[in-house]
Protein backbone atom coordinates (compact mmCIF):
# COMPACT_ATOMS: atom_id res chain seq x y z
CA MET A 1 2.53 10.50 -15.02
CA GLY A 2 3.41 6.87 -15.57
CA LYS A 3 2.30 3.60 -16.08
CA ILE A 4 -0.54 2.43 -14.29
CA PRO A 5 -1.04 -0.68 -12.62
CA GLN A 6 -3.76 -2.38 -14.70
CA VAL A 7 -5.90 -5.16 -13.55
CA GLY A 8 -4.35 -8.52 -12.91
CA GLU A 9 -1.08 -7.54 -13.10
CA PRO A 10 1.60 -8.05 -10.45
CA ALA A 11 1.53 -5.00 -8.06
CA PRO A 12 4.89 -3.26 -8.01
CA PHE A 13 6.92 -3.34 -5.42
CA PHE A 14 8.81 -1.15 -3.26
CA ALA A 15 10.43 -0.03 0.04
CA ALA A 16 10.02 3.17 1.78
CA ALA A 17 10.08 5.14 4.70
CA THR A 18 7.57 4.70 6.98
CA ASP A 19 7.61 5.80 11.24
CA GLY A 20 10.07 3.85 12.90
CA VAL A 21 11.29 1.66 9.55
CA GLU A 22 13.53 3.27 7.01
CA ARG A 23 12.91 1.36 5.01
CA TYR A 24 9.56 -1.14 4.64
CA SER A 25 9.00 -3.69 1.87
CA LEU A 26 4.86 -3.93 1.14
CA ASP A 27 5.96 -6.82 -0.66
CA VAL A 28 6.12 -8.78 2.83
CA VAL A 29 2.91 -7.99 3.80
CA ALA A 30 1.58 -9.64 0.49
CA GLY A 31 -1.13 -13.18 1.40
CA ARG A 32 -3.50 -10.49 2.61
CA TRP A 33 -5.52 -7.88 0.84
CA ILE A 34 -3.88 -4.56 0.49
CA VAL A 35 -6.17 -0.97 0.30
CA LEU A 36 -2.82 1.14 -0.54
CA MET A 37 -4.04 4.60 -1.07
CA PHE A 38 -1.93 7.57 -2.79
CA PHE A 39 -3.43 10.58 -1.29
CA GLY A 40 -0.95 12.92 -1.58
CA THR A 41 -1.90 15.42 0.84
CA VAL A 42 -4.66 15.93 2.81
CA GLY A 43 -4.21 19.39 3.01
CA GLN A 44 -6.49 19.05 -0.69
CA ALA A 45 -10.12 18.55 0.03
CA ALA A 46 -11.15 15.23 -1.66
CA PRO A 47 -7.51 13.72 -0.56
CA ALA A 48 -8.77 14.21 3.17
CA GLU A 49 -11.95 12.91 2.52
CA GLY A 50 -11.03 9.91 1.45
CA LEU A 51 -8.50 8.80 4.17
CA ALA A 52 -11.01 10.12 6.14
CA LEU A 53 -13.77 7.37 4.47
CA ALA A 54 -10.90 4.24 5.02
CA LEU A 55 -10.25 5.22 8.38
CA GLU A 56 -13.93 5.34 9.02
CA ARG A 57 -13.90 1.94 8.01
CA ARG A 58 -10.52 0.50 10.08
CA ASP A 59 -12.85 -2.17 11.07
CA LEU A 60 -11.88 -4.49 7.33
CA PHE A 61 -8.14 -3.82 7.95
CA ASN A 62 -7.40 -6.41 10.79
CA GLY A 63 -4.17 -6.70 9.85
CA ALA A 64 -4.42 -10.66 9.16
CA ASP A 65 -7.13 -10.90 6.78
CA ALA A 66 -6.29 -6.94 5.09
CA ALA A 67 -4.24 -3.64 5.69
CA PHE A 68 -4.32 0.22 4.52
CA PHE A 69 -1.43 1.46 3.53
CA GLY A 70 -1.86 5.30 3.07
CA VAL A 71 0.65 7.09 0.81
CA SER A 72 2.09 11.02 1.64
CA VAL A 73 3.95 12.80 -0.50
CA ASP A 74 3.39 15.92 1.81
CA PRO A 75 5.85 16.56 4.57
CA ALA A 76 3.29 18.52 7.19
CA ASP A 77 1.22 15.43 7.24
CA ARG A 78 3.69 13.52 9.27
CA ALA A 79 4.65 17.10 11.29
CA GLN A 80 1.62 18.76 11.67
CA ARG A 81 -1.63 16.90 11.02
CA GLY A 82 -0.65 14.36 13.12
CA LEU A 83 -1.23 10.72 10.84
CA VAL A 84 0.83 8.01 12.72
CA ASN A 85 0.61 4.09 12.48
CA SER A 86 -1.91 2.51 14.22
CA ASP A 87 -2.41 -1.20 14.93
CA PRO A 88 -3.18 -3.93 14.22
CA GLY A 89 -3.36 -2.89 9.96
CA VAL A 90 -3.57 0.85 9.26
CA ARG A 91 0.19 2.29 8.35
CA PHE A 92 1.77 5.58 6.36
CA PHE A 93 4.50 5.70 3.48
CA TRP A 94 6.39 8.92 3.52
CA ASP A 95 6.46 9.19 -0.02
CA PHE A 96 8.72 13.23 0.04
CA ASP A 97 10.43 12.24 -3.59
CA LEU A 98 7.72 10.87 -5.01
CA ALA A 99 9.51 7.41 -6.00
CA VAL A 100 6.62 5.25 -4.94
CA SER A 101 3.65 7.61 -6.52
CA ARG A 102 5.94 7.67 -9.34
CA LEU A 103 5.76 3.76 -9.65
CA TYR A 104 1.74 3.54 -9.93
CA GLY A 105 1.43 6.42 -11.79
CA ALA A 106 0.27 8.75 -9.20
CA ALA A 107 2.47 11.36 -9.97
CA ASP A 108 4.89 12.42 -12.35
CA ASP A 109 7.50 15.89 -11.66
CA THR A 110 4.85 18.45 -11.71
CA ASN A 111 0.73 16.47 -11.15
CA LEU A 112 -0.48 14.48 -8.43
CA ARG A 113 -3.44 11.86 -9.87
CA PRO A 114 -5.12 11.07 -6.31
CA CYS A 115 -6.25 7.52 -6.55
CA LEU A 116 -5.95 4.15 -4.71
CA PHE A 117 -5.21 0.26 -5.20
CA LEU A 118 -6.98 -3.18 -4.19
CA ILE A 119 -4.45 -5.76 -3.77
CA ASP A 120 -5.09 -9.24 -3.51
CA PRO A 121 -3.14 -12.10 -1.61
CA ALA A 122 -1.07 -13.07 -4.59
CA PHE A 123 0.02 -8.89 -4.34
CA ARG A 124 -2.40 -8.91 -8.01
CA ILE A 125 -3.84 -5.89 -8.94
CA ALA A 126 -7.51 -6.58 -8.44
CA MET A 127 -8.87 -3.07 -8.38
CA SER A 128 -7.88 0.47 -9.09
CA ALA A 129 -10.02 4.21 -8.87
CA PRO A 130 -9.63 7.92 -7.83
CA ILE A 131 -9.47 9.15 -5.01
CA GLU A 132 -13.20 9.82 -4.96
CA ALA A 133 -14.70 5.88 -5.45
CA THR A 134 -12.82 5.15 -2.75
CA GLY A 135 -16.25 4.12 -1.31
CA VAL A 136 -16.50 1.30 -3.86
CA VAL A 137 -13.06 0.11 -3.31
CA LEU A 138 -14.23 -0.42 -0.20
CA ASP A 139 -17.39 -1.95 -0.66
CA ARG A 140 -15.27 -4.73 -3.20
CA LEU A 141 -13.05 -5.28 0.06
CA ALA A 142 -15.94 -5.82 2.16
CA ARG A 143 -17.45 -8.91 -0.36
CA GLU A 144 -13.87 -10.39 -0.77
CA LEU A 145 -13.41 -10.47 2.78
CA ALA A 146 -17.29 -11.80 3.44
CA ALA A 147 -16.69 -14.44 0.20
CA VAL A 148 -16.28 -17.77 0.77
CA PRO A 149 -12.66 -18.94 1.09
CA THR A 150 -11.17 -20.93 -2.10
CA ALA A 151 -7.35 -20.20 -1.11
CA GLU A 152 -7.76 -24.20 0.28
CA ALA A 153 -7.87 -24.96 -2.80
CA GLN A 154 -4.62 -23.51 -4.34
CA PHE A 155 -1.19 -24.59 -4.26
CA ALA A 156 1.93 -23.00 -4.13
CA PRO A 157 4.42 -23.30 -6.91
CA VAL A 158 7.12 -25.51 -5.61
CA LEU A 159 8.43 -28.99 -6.32
CA THR A 160 8.68 -31.54 -3.46
CA LEU A 161 10.73 -34.76 -3.97
CA PRO A 162 11.35 -37.84 -1.24
CA ARG A 163 14.48 -39.53 -0.78
CA ILE A 164 17.35 -37.01 -2.20
CA PHE A 165 18.79 -37.71 1.58
CA GLU A 166 19.01 -41.42 3.16
CA PRO A 167 18.07 -41.88 6.55
CA GLU A 168 21.72 -42.48 7.49
CA LEU A 169 22.81 -38.93 5.64
CA CYS A 170 20.18 -37.24 7.78
CA GLU A 171 21.23 -38.85 11.48
CA ALA A 172 25.03 -37.96 10.28
CA LEU A 173 23.87 -34.45 9.69
CA ILE A 174 21.66 -33.83 12.96
CA ALA A 175 24.73 -35.40 14.69
CA TYR A 176 27.02 -32.93 12.75
CA TYR A 177 24.97 -29.88 14.31
CA ARG A 178 24.89 -31.09 17.99
CA ALA A 179 28.85 -31.77 17.66
CA GLY A 180 29.37 -28.44 16.44
CA GLY A 181 29.39 -24.85 18.02
CA PRO A 182 25.62 -23.08 16.77
CA THR A 183 25.43 -19.96 16.58
CA VAL A 184 21.89 -17.70 16.16
CA SER A 185 21.35 -17.51 12.71
CA GLY A 186 20.81 -13.89 11.23
CA PHE A 187 19.20 -12.84 7.88
CA ALA A 188 20.83 -10.35 5.08
CA LYS A 189 20.00 -7.27 5.12
CA ASP A 190 20.87 -3.80 2.70
CA VAL A 191 22.11 -1.20 5.60
CA GLY A 192 23.84 1.57 3.63
CA GLY A 193 24.56 0.37 0.75
CA GLN A 194 26.05 -3.30 2.23
CA THR A 195 24.32 -6.06 2.72
CA VAL A 196 24.96 -7.67 6.40
CA GLN A 197 23.88 -10.46 8.29
CA HIS A 198 21.20 -8.98 10.51
CA VAL A 199 19.74 -10.59 13.64
CA ASP A 200 16.40 -10.14 14.91
CA THR A 201 14.35 -12.46 17.73
CA PHE A 202 11.42 -10.86 15.88
CA MET A 203 11.63 -11.60 12.78
CA LYS A 204 13.97 -15.20 13.41
CA ARG A 205 14.65 -17.67 15.94
CA ARG A 206 16.65 -19.76 14.94
CA SER A 207 20.47 -21.62 15.24
CA ASP A 208 22.72 -22.38 12.59
CA VAL A 209 25.92 -24.63 12.46
CA LEU A 210 28.12 -24.26 8.99
CA ILE A 211 29.70 -27.54 7.63
CA GLU A 212 33.45 -27.20 7.31
CA ASP A 213 33.98 -31.32 6.84
CA GLU A 214 35.20 -31.81 3.22
CA ALA A 215 33.38 -35.08 3.39
CA VAL A 216 30.42 -34.54 4.15
CA LEU A 217 30.18 -31.72 1.97
CA ASP A 218 31.18 -34.52 -1.13
CA ALA A 219 28.38 -36.90 0.09
CA ILE A 220 25.72 -33.41 0.15
CA THR A 221 26.71 -32.05 -2.93
CA ALA A 222 27.04 -35.40 -4.82
CA ARG A 223 23.26 -36.31 -3.78
CA LEU A 224 22.06 -32.63 -5.08
CA ARG A 225 24.28 -32.96 -8.40
CA ASP A 226 22.70 -36.32 -9.18
CA ARG A 227 19.72 -36.63 -7.26
CA LEU A 228 17.81 -33.37 -7.08
CA PHE A 229 19.52 -30.78 -10.03
CA PRO A 230 17.78 -33.37 -13.28
CA MET A 231 14.68 -33.08 -11.71
CA ILE A 232 15.04 -29.55 -11.09
CA ARG A 233 15.63 -29.36 -14.61
CA ARG A 234 13.23 -32.37 -15.67
CA ALA A 235 10.17 -30.13 -13.62
CA LEU A 236 12.02 -26.69 -14.07
CA GLY A 237 13.03 -25.69 -16.69
CA TRP A 238 16.31 -24.86 -15.10
CA GLN A 239 20.00 -26.30 -14.85
CA ALA A 240 21.52 -25.81 -11.05
CA GLN A 241 24.98 -25.29 -11.25
CA HIS A 242 26.40 -23.61 -7.80
CA ILE A 243 25.33 -24.42 -4.43
CA GLU A 244 25.63 -22.17 -2.25
CA ARG A 245 26.01 -22.30 1.56
CA TYR A 246 26.09 -25.70 3.13
CA LEU A 247 23.97 -24.76 6.71
CA ILE A 248 22.18 -27.39 8.85
CA CYS A 249 19.51 -25.78 11.14
CA ARG A 250 17.80 -26.29 14.37
CA TYR A 251 14.50 -24.89 14.69
CA GLY A 252 13.27 -25.84 18.65
CA ASP A 253 9.82 -25.24 20.18
CA GLU A 254 11.88 -23.62 23.50
CA GLU A 255 11.05 -20.49 21.95
CA GLN A 256 8.65 -21.33 19.26
CA GLY A 257 11.75 -20.96 16.46
CA PHE A 258 10.34 -19.39 12.97
CA PHE A 259 11.38 -17.80 10.31
CA SER A 260 8.72 -15.01 9.09
CA ARG A 261 7.65 -13.61 6.10
CA HIS A 262 10.59 -12.75 3.48
CA ARG A 263 11.91 -13.86 0.37
CA ASP A 264 15.38 -15.37 -0.61
CA ASP A 265 17.07 -12.35 -3.34
CA ALA A 266 16.07 -9.43 -1.74
CA THR A 267 19.24 -8.10 -1.47
CA ALA A 268 22.52 -7.17 -3.37
CA GLY A 269 24.32 -9.81 -1.73
CA THR A 270 21.57 -12.28 -2.50
CA ALA A 271 20.47 -11.28 -6.06
CA HIS A 272 22.38 -13.82 -7.36
CA ARG A 273 20.17 -16.84 -5.46
CA ARG A 274 17.86 -18.88 -8.42
CA PHE A 275 16.20 -21.57 -6.06
CA ALA A 276 16.17 -22.28 -2.64
CA VAL A 277 15.91 -26.10 -0.71
CA SER A 278 14.47 -26.96 2.20
CA VAL A 279 15.51 -30.43 3.31
CA ASN A 280 14.18 -31.75 6.30
CA LEU A 281 16.96 -34.30 7.92
CA ASN A 282 13.87 -35.60 10.55
CA ASP A 283 9.83 -35.84 12.18
CA GLY A 284 8.14 -36.02 15.02
CA TYR A 285 8.01 -32.74 15.84
CA GLU A 286 4.93 -30.09 14.88
CA GLY A 287 4.71 -27.25 13.66
CA GLY A 288 7.80 -25.85 11.65
CA GLU A 289 6.21 -25.96 7.86
CA LEU A 290 7.03 -24.26 4.62
CA ARG A 291 3.50 -21.86 4.07
CA PHE A 292 3.70 -19.24 0.91
CA PRO A 293 1.33 -16.76 1.81
CA GLU A 294 0.85 -15.51 -1.69
CA PHE A 295 -0.78 -18.91 -2.49
CA GLY A 296 -2.99 -19.07 0.42
CA PRO A 297 -2.21 -20.88 3.76
CA ARG A 298 -1.62 -24.21 2.67
CA THR A 299 1.25 -25.52 4.58
CA TYR A 300 4.64 -27.85 3.36
CA ARG A 301 6.24 -29.91 4.47
CA PRO A 302 9.41 -32.68 2.61
CA PRO A 303 9.13 -36.48 4.58
CA VAL A 304 12.31 -37.22 6.23
CA GLY A 305 15.74 -36.62 3.49
CA GLY A 306 13.36 -34.95 1.11
CA ALA A 307 13.52 -31.76 -0.25
CA THR A 308 11.37 -28.82 -1.42
CA VAL A 309 12.43 -26.33 -4.01
CA PHE A 310 11.21 -23.35 -4.60
CA ALA A 311 12.27 -19.51 -6.27
CA CYS A 312 13.76 -17.92 -4.71
CA GLY A 313 11.17 -14.64 -4.87
CA LEU A 314 8.60 -16.90 -3.60
CA LEU A 315 7.16 -14.67 -0.42
CA HIS A 316 7.70 -17.71 2.69
CA GLU A 317 8.20 -18.49 6.12
CA ALA A 318 8.67 -21.36 8.26
CA THR A 319 5.65 -21.51 11.01
CA PRO A 320 6.89 -22.06 14.46
CA VAL A 321 7.98 -24.99 16.40
CA THR A 322 5.50 -25.87 18.97
CA LYS A 323 7.01 -28.95 19.87
CA GLY A 324 9.86 -30.91 19.51
CA GLU A 325 12.87 -29.59 17.33
CA ARG A 326 13.06 -28.95 13.76
CA PHE A 327 16.81 -30.08 11.49
CA VAL A 328 16.69 -28.78 8.07
CA PHE A 329 19.87 -28.49 4.85
CA VAL A 330 19.38 -25.31 3.76
CA PRO A 331 20.97 -24.37 0.53
CA PHE A 332 20.35 -21.86 -2.45
CA LEU A 333 21.17 -22.69 -6.04
CA TYR A 334 22.37 -20.52 -8.87
CA ASP A 335 23.27 -20.86 -12.21
CA GLU A 336 26.69 -18.80 -14.41
CA GLU A 337 24.30 -16.00 -14.44
CA GLY A 338 23.20 -15.94 -10.90
CA ALA A 339 27.92 -15.90 -10.68
CA ARG A 340 28.38 -13.08 -12.39
CA ILE A 341 25.70 -11.81 -10.62
CA ARG A 342 27.57 -12.54 -7.55
CA ARG A 343 30.80 -11.55 -8.48
CA GLN A 344 29.23 -8.23 -9.66
CA ASN A 345 27.52 -7.20 -6.25
CA MET A 346 30.73 -8.57 -4.07
CA SER A 347 32.09 -5.49 -2.74
CA LYS A 348 28.20 -4.81 -1.45
CA VAL A 349 28.48 -7.84 0.51
CA SER A 350 29.73 -7.37 4.53
CA VAL A 351 32.98 -9.57 5.13
CA GLU A 352 31.25 -10.89 7.58
CA LEU A 353 28.46 -12.30 5.61
CA ARG A 354 30.44 -13.56 2.79
CA GLU A 355 32.79 -15.71 5.87
CA SER A 356 29.25 -17.41 6.63
CA ARG A 357 29.07 -18.81 3.03
CA ARG A 358 30.42 -21.79 1.11
CA ASP A 359 29.62 -21.83 -2.67
CA ARG A 360 30.44 -25.07 -4.61
CA ARG A 361 30.58 -25.12 -7.80
CA ALA A 362 28.04 -29.04 -9.44
CA LYS A 363 26.98 -28.65 -12.22
CA GLY A 364 24.19 -31.08 -12.98
CA ARG A 365 23.31 -33.77 -15.32
CA ARG A 366 22.36 -33.16 -18.43
């Protein structure tokens, strides 16, 4: 058997097939309690009983506060036994090559160990048990859901700084956007071994303008280099050296503009990114805040001209703009090691996605 994740350890990330999605990433549902059950096959008594008990208590799994994910290694469960996803919070993974089961120590080449894990909203192991103890795990989940919430006291590990862009530059960038030709914003997705630009209004509703004016690029680069980079080094102990993507974005209330939960370094074409930056260019709108679900429901909004900086591996979302419009400048930062990874993975990035980026070396002061 592989190593079994222990209580307090981060739960391993994985992506696997589920009905309707070829590669569903479990980590994007962080921010809620998760029961991950490796039942293996319902063709055996103990796994069938454990799964039946979980489904009898599906009232625990409302999708918002808790979700259930069952992992099957038996094609007959899908083809003959009728296991199907059901909203709001029950889904099945098809792990016919045992890759996910091995990752969690539930299987090796010859043996299967039916078991289940309770994963907390920060995507850490809270409990593990054999399949026969399913009731004990579900009782623990029920207690956790009934407990008085303490998440309001949590803070995400982000850095927010005012006065990165002065008001005049913010206004100039909004004017640049309005004079440009906004395009529907996509996001990076790995498809068939290539990182491509993908548009899905279920996941994201935003429009973008890429900055191409050299004088504007110089002005932005200077401010990030002189005002932001030294503070990142002081607070986070990391030196930014490259800026990727000079993009002005607009989220509008006419379509409840938003960007749902995602991580910014999850594809081959984005693995080089280290920190994301969100510089707000205006106020006077409602909604449109940053949220980091693994660290509670608190939302974050930098002031006009201010920046919020966070690691690209953090799960985050931009909440819907419900009134007005939000303008934001959203670059990514990386270092020389990131540059090496970027060069190494460049052949895996589609031409369209390459052309949508502009990078500059902008080493910060030491």
